[in-house]
Protein backbone atom coordinates (compact mmCIF):
# COMPACT_ATOMS: atom_id res chain seq x y z
CA ARG A 1 -58.85 330.68 8.28
CA ASN A 2 -60.05 331.57 11.76
CA VAL A 3 -61.48 329.04 14.22
CA PRO A 4 -64.11 329.41 15.58
CA GLY A 5 -64.66 332.86 14.10
CA THR A 6 -65.11 331.77 10.49
CA TYR A 7 -65.04 327.99 10.79
CA ALA A 8 -66.80 326.09 13.55
CA ASN A 9 -64.00 323.59 14.21
CA ILE A 10 -60.35 322.95 13.47
CA GLN A 11 -60.93 320.34 10.78
CA ALA A 12 -63.28 322.67 8.89
CA GLY A 13 -60.58 325.34 8.89
CA ILE A 14 -58.01 322.92 7.49
CA ASN A 15 -60.43 321.60 4.88
CA ALA A 16 -61.06 325.14 3.66
CA ALA A 17 -57.37 326.02 3.49
CA ALA A 18 -55.37 326.09 0.29
CA MET A 19 -53.04 323.17 -0.33
CA PHE A 20 -49.91 325.31 0.15
CA GLY A 21 -49.10 328.32 2.28
CA ASP A 22 -52.35 328.94 4.13
CA GLU A 23 -52.81 329.42 7.89
CA VAL A 24 -55.45 328.09 10.23
CA VAL A 25 -55.50 330.25 13.36
CA VAL A 26 -57.29 328.84 16.39
CA ALA A 27 -58.51 331.17 19.14
CA ASN A 28 -57.76 330.49 22.79
CA GLY A 29 -60.07 327.98 24.43
CA THR A 30 -60.65 324.27 24.95
CA TYR A 31 -61.73 322.35 21.86
CA THR A 32 -63.67 319.09 22.13
CA GLY A 33 -65.98 316.99 20.01
CA ALA A 34 -65.90 315.59 16.50
CA ARG A 35 -63.62 317.48 14.09
CA ASN A 36 -61.70 318.94 17.01
CA ARG A 37 -60.08 315.51 17.45
CA ASP A 38 -58.88 313.01 14.83
CA ILE A 39 -57.79 316.12 12.94
CA THR A 40 -56.20 315.33 9.58
CA VAL A 41 -53.43 317.56 8.25
CA ASN A 42 -52.57 316.57 4.68
CA LYS A 43 -51.77 320.02 3.30
CA HIS A 44 -48.70 322.23 3.54
CA VAL A 45 -50.36 324.66 5.92
CA VAL A 46 -49.72 326.18 9.34
CA VAL A 47 -52.16 325.23 12.08
CA ARG A 48 -51.47 327.44 15.08
CA SER A 49 -53.01 328.89 18.19
CA ALA A 50 -53.66 332.60 18.02
CA SER A 51 -51.70 333.31 21.19
CA GLY A 52 -48.87 330.83 20.69
CA ASP A 53 -49.39 329.73 24.30
CA PRO A 54 -50.26 326.00 24.56
CA ALA A 55 -51.71 326.51 28.03
CA LEU A 56 -54.42 328.69 26.50
CA CYS A 57 -55.35 326.60 23.45
CA ILE A 58 -56.25 323.02 24.33
CA ILE A 59 -57.41 320.10 22.22
CA ASP A 60 -59.07 317.69 24.64
CA CYS A 61 -59.75 314.37 22.92
CA GLN A 62 -61.75 313.09 25.91
CA THR A 63 -60.39 309.52 25.32
CA LEU A 64 -62.47 309.36 22.13
CA GLY A 65 -59.78 309.60 19.47
CA ARG A 66 -56.42 310.98 18.37
CA GLY A 67 -55.23 314.56 18.34
CA PHE A 68 -53.65 314.98 14.86
CA LEU A 69 -52.99 312.61 11.98
CA VAL A 70 -50.40 314.21 9.70
CA SER A 71 -49.80 312.59 6.33
CA GLY A 72 -47.93 313.27 3.11
CA VAL A 73 -46.41 316.64 4.01
CA THR A 74 -42.93 318.12 4.44
CA ASN A 75 -41.61 320.36 7.21
CA VAL A 76 -43.35 323.35 5.57
CA ALA A 77 -46.48 322.07 7.35
CA ARG A 78 -46.52 323.32 10.93
CA ILE A 79 -48.45 322.69 14.14
CA GLU A 80 -47.79 325.38 16.74
CA GLY A 81 -48.88 326.36 20.22
CA PHE A 82 -51.35 323.64 21.29
CA THR A 83 -51.90 321.36 24.23
CA ILE A 84 -53.14 317.97 23.03
CA LYS A 85 -54.43 315.78 25.82
CA ASN A 86 -56.53 312.75 26.74
CA ALA A 87 -56.23 311.05 23.36
CA LEU A 88 -56.93 307.34 23.09
CA THR A 89 -56.19 305.38 19.91
CA ASP A 90 -54.26 302.42 18.56
CA GLU A 91 -51.03 304.21 17.59
CA GLY A 92 -49.83 307.76 18.03
CA GLY A 93 -52.29 309.20 20.50
CA GLY A 94 -51.33 312.85 20.52
CA ILE A 95 -49.89 313.03 17.00
CA LYS A 96 -49.33 310.35 14.37
CA CYS A 97 -47.06 311.14 11.43
CA ASP A 98 -47.58 308.82 8.47
CA ASN A 99 -45.14 309.51 5.62
CA ALA A 100 -45.01 313.05 6.97
CA SER A 101 -42.37 315.41 8.29
CA PRO A 102 -44.13 318.40 9.85
CA THR A 103 -42.58 321.00 12.13
CA ILE A 104 -44.20 320.86 15.58
CA THR A 105 -43.35 323.83 17.78
CA ASN A 106 -44.25 324.82 21.34
CA CYS A 107 -46.79 322.05 21.84
CA ARG A 108 -47.64 319.95 24.90
CA LEU A 109 -48.68 316.31 24.51
CA LEU A 110 -50.20 315.33 27.83
CA ALA A 111 -51.83 312.13 29.12
CA ASN A 112 -52.40 310.57 25.72
CA LYS A 113 -52.59 306.81 25.20
CA ALA A 114 -51.95 304.27 22.46
CA ASN A 115 -53.54 300.88 22.98
CA VAL A 116 -52.33 298.58 20.18
CA THR A 117 -48.76 299.24 19.01
CA GLY A 118 -47.31 302.28 20.78
CA GLY A 119 -46.63 305.98 20.90
CA GLY A 120 -48.97 307.47 23.45
CA GLY A 121 -47.55 310.90 22.68
CA LEU A 122 -46.17 310.56 19.15
CA ALA A 123 -45.88 307.87 16.49
CA CYS A 124 -43.70 308.11 13.37
CA VAL A 125 -44.29 305.56 10.62
CA ASN A 126 -43.59 305.15 6.89
CA GLY A 127 -40.44 307.26 6.82
CA SER A 128 -41.76 310.21 8.80
CA ALA A 129 -39.26 312.79 9.98
CA PRO A 130 -41.06 315.38 12.11
CA ARG A 131 -39.11 318.14 13.83
CA LEU A 132 -40.26 318.93 17.38
CA VAL A 133 -38.99 322.15 18.96
CA ASN A 134 -39.75 323.39 22.49
CA CYS A 135 -42.31 320.66 23.10
CA VAL A 136 -43.36 318.77 26.23
CA LEU A 137 -44.39 315.10 26.30
CA ASN A 138 -45.65 314.30 29.76
CA GLY A 139 -47.77 311.54 31.25
CA ASN A 140 -48.36 309.70 27.98
CA THR A 141 -48.79 305.95 28.12
CA THR A 142 -49.09 302.77 26.12
CA ASN A 143 -49.96 299.16 26.75
CA GLY A 144 -49.31 298.32 23.10
CA PHE A 145 -47.23 295.31 22.16
CA ASP A 146 -44.42 297.41 20.62
CA GLY A 147 -44.17 299.96 23.44
CA GLY A 148 -42.90 303.51 23.48
CA ALA A 149 -45.08 305.52 25.84
CA GLY A 150 -43.71 308.86 24.72
CA ILE A 151 -42.57 308.11 21.16
CA TYR A 152 -42.95 305.13 18.83
CA ASN A 153 -40.63 305.33 15.82
CA VAL A 154 -40.69 302.75 13.04
CA GLY A 155 -38.08 303.57 10.42
CA GLY A 156 -38.53 307.33 10.78
CA GLN A 157 -36.04 310.12 11.43
CA PRO A 158 -37.65 312.43 14.01
CA VAL A 159 -35.63 315.28 15.52
CA LEU A 160 -36.36 316.75 18.96
CA ILE A 161 -34.78 320.03 20.07
CA ASN A 162 -35.22 321.69 23.49
CA CYS A 163 -37.93 319.24 24.46
CA THR A 164 -38.92 317.76 27.83
CA LEU A 165 -40.08 314.15 28.12
CA SER A 166 -41.12 313.21 31.64
CA GLY A 167 -43.50 310.94 33.49
CA ASN A 168 -44.36 308.84 30.44
CA PHE A 169 -45.04 305.19 31.27
CA THR A 170 -46.01 301.83 29.86
CA THR A 171 -48.56 299.52 31.39
CA GLY A 172 -48.78 295.77 31.06
CA VAL A 173 -46.29 292.93 31.32
CA GLY A 174 -43.48 293.15 28.78
CA VAL A 175 -44.30 296.61 27.42
CA ILE A 176 -41.02 298.47 26.88
CA GLY A 177 -39.72 301.99 26.41
CA GLY A 178 -40.95 304.69 28.76
CA VAL A 179 -39.67 307.49 26.53
CA LEU A 180 -39.04 305.67 23.28
CA ARG A 181 -39.41 302.52 21.23
CA ASN A 182 -37.16 302.85 18.18
CA LYS A 183 -37.06 300.08 15.56
CA SER A 184 -36.74 299.09 11.90
CA ALA A 185 -33.75 301.31 11.08
CA GLY A 186 -35.35 304.28 12.79
CA GLN A 187 -32.98 307.17 13.47
CA ILE A 188 -34.00 309.64 16.14
CA THR A 189 -32.06 312.61 17.47
CA PHE A 190 -32.47 314.45 20.78
CA THR A 191 -30.63 317.76 21.24
CA ASN A 192 -30.77 319.87 24.41
CA CYS A 193 -33.58 317.71 25.77
CA THR A 194 -34.48 316.54 29.27
CA LEU A 195 -35.70 312.98 29.81
CA SER A 196 -36.78 312.32 33.38
CA ALA A 197 -38.79 309.90 35.54
CA ASN A 198 -40.22 307.82 32.72
CA THR A 199 -41.06 304.19 33.53
CA ALA A 200 -41.72 300.90 31.77
CA TYR A 201 -41.81 297.18 32.41
CA ASP A 202 -38.36 297.21 30.81
CA ALA A 203 -36.15 299.93 29.34
CA SER A 204 -37.83 302.68 31.32
CA ALA A 205 -35.97 305.33 29.32
CA MET A 206 -35.39 303.99 25.79
CA TYR A 207 -35.41 300.78 23.79
CA SER A 208 -33.85 300.65 20.32
CA ASP A 209 -33.14 297.54 18.27
CA GLY A 210 -32.68 296.30 14.72
CA THR A 211 -30.08 296.80 12.02
CA GLY A 212 -29.56 300.46 11.21
CA THR A 213 -31.55 301.68 14.19
CA GLN A 214 -29.89 304.63 15.91
CA THR A 215 -30.70 306.94 18.82
CA THR A 216 -28.51 310.02 19.23
CA LEU A 217 -28.51 312.30 22.28
CA THR A 218 -26.53 315.55 22.30
CA ASN A 219 -26.28 317.78 25.38
CA CYS A 220 -29.22 316.03 27.04
CA ILE A 221 -30.14 315.33 30.66
CA VAL A 222 -31.31 311.78 31.39
CA TRP A 223 -32.21 310.99 34.99
CA GLY A 224 -34.61 309.35 37.40
CA HIS A 225 -35.47 306.23 35.39
CA PRO A 226 -35.99 303.14 37.55
CA ALA A 227 -34.60 299.85 36.33
CA GLY A 228 -36.99 297.54 34.54
CA THR A 229 -37.44 293.87 35.31
CA SER A 230 -34.12 292.94 33.69
CA GLY A 231 -32.31 295.91 35.20
CA VAL A 232 -32.38 297.86 31.93
CA ARG A 233 -33.08 301.57 32.15
C-alpha cells in the first residue's frame, strides 16, 4: 500500500490494508491535512517511511490534531521512520496507545502538546505496552492536570530502548513530570536511554506514584534537570 502513489493519504493506505501482515509504505515528504493526522492504526500492519529516515518523512499535525491513535493491536503492529510534530490534543499528542502494544522504531516526536491530561509526546492507557526503539522525544509539552510532557503512562508497561528524551516541559502551576508521569500501577522501563534538560513545575525529570507503580532505568544517562518548586527533580 503506497502513499501517495496508490493512496492519497496515510489513513487511506491503512484502511485499505489487510488486518494482518500488510505494509503501508509512505514516500518521503511532509504530510499535512485531514487523514494525515489523527491517523488510526487498529490493524496488525506495518506503517513505515520508504527511506526509514524520519528527517525525510514528516507528519505535521499543524496543531490541529494528534499524530497516531493506536488501538487493540500487539507488537506485530509497527510504526517506523517518521517525524511526528506539532500535534495538539487532549492526551497523547504524538502517539496515543489505547489497549495497544505496537513497536515504534526510529521515530521522532517533536513539539507535540497534550492539553487535558498529559503525554505531549506519548500516552499509554488501558494496559498498553508499546516498545520504542531508537526514538527521540524532544520539545513536547503538556499543561494537563496529570502531567507528563514526554510520556503519560496510566497502568501501562511501555519499554524504551536507545531513546533520547530532552527538552520536554510542562506549563502551568502544579503540572508535574517533564519526562514522565507514571501512575495507577504503571510499569515503565528505560534501557540505554538519555534523559536531559527536561523541565516541569515539579519533578522536572519523572514523577511516579501509586501502589504497584514502577519506573526502571538501566544504563541510562539522566542530567540537566532543574529542581521544581519543592526541590524535586
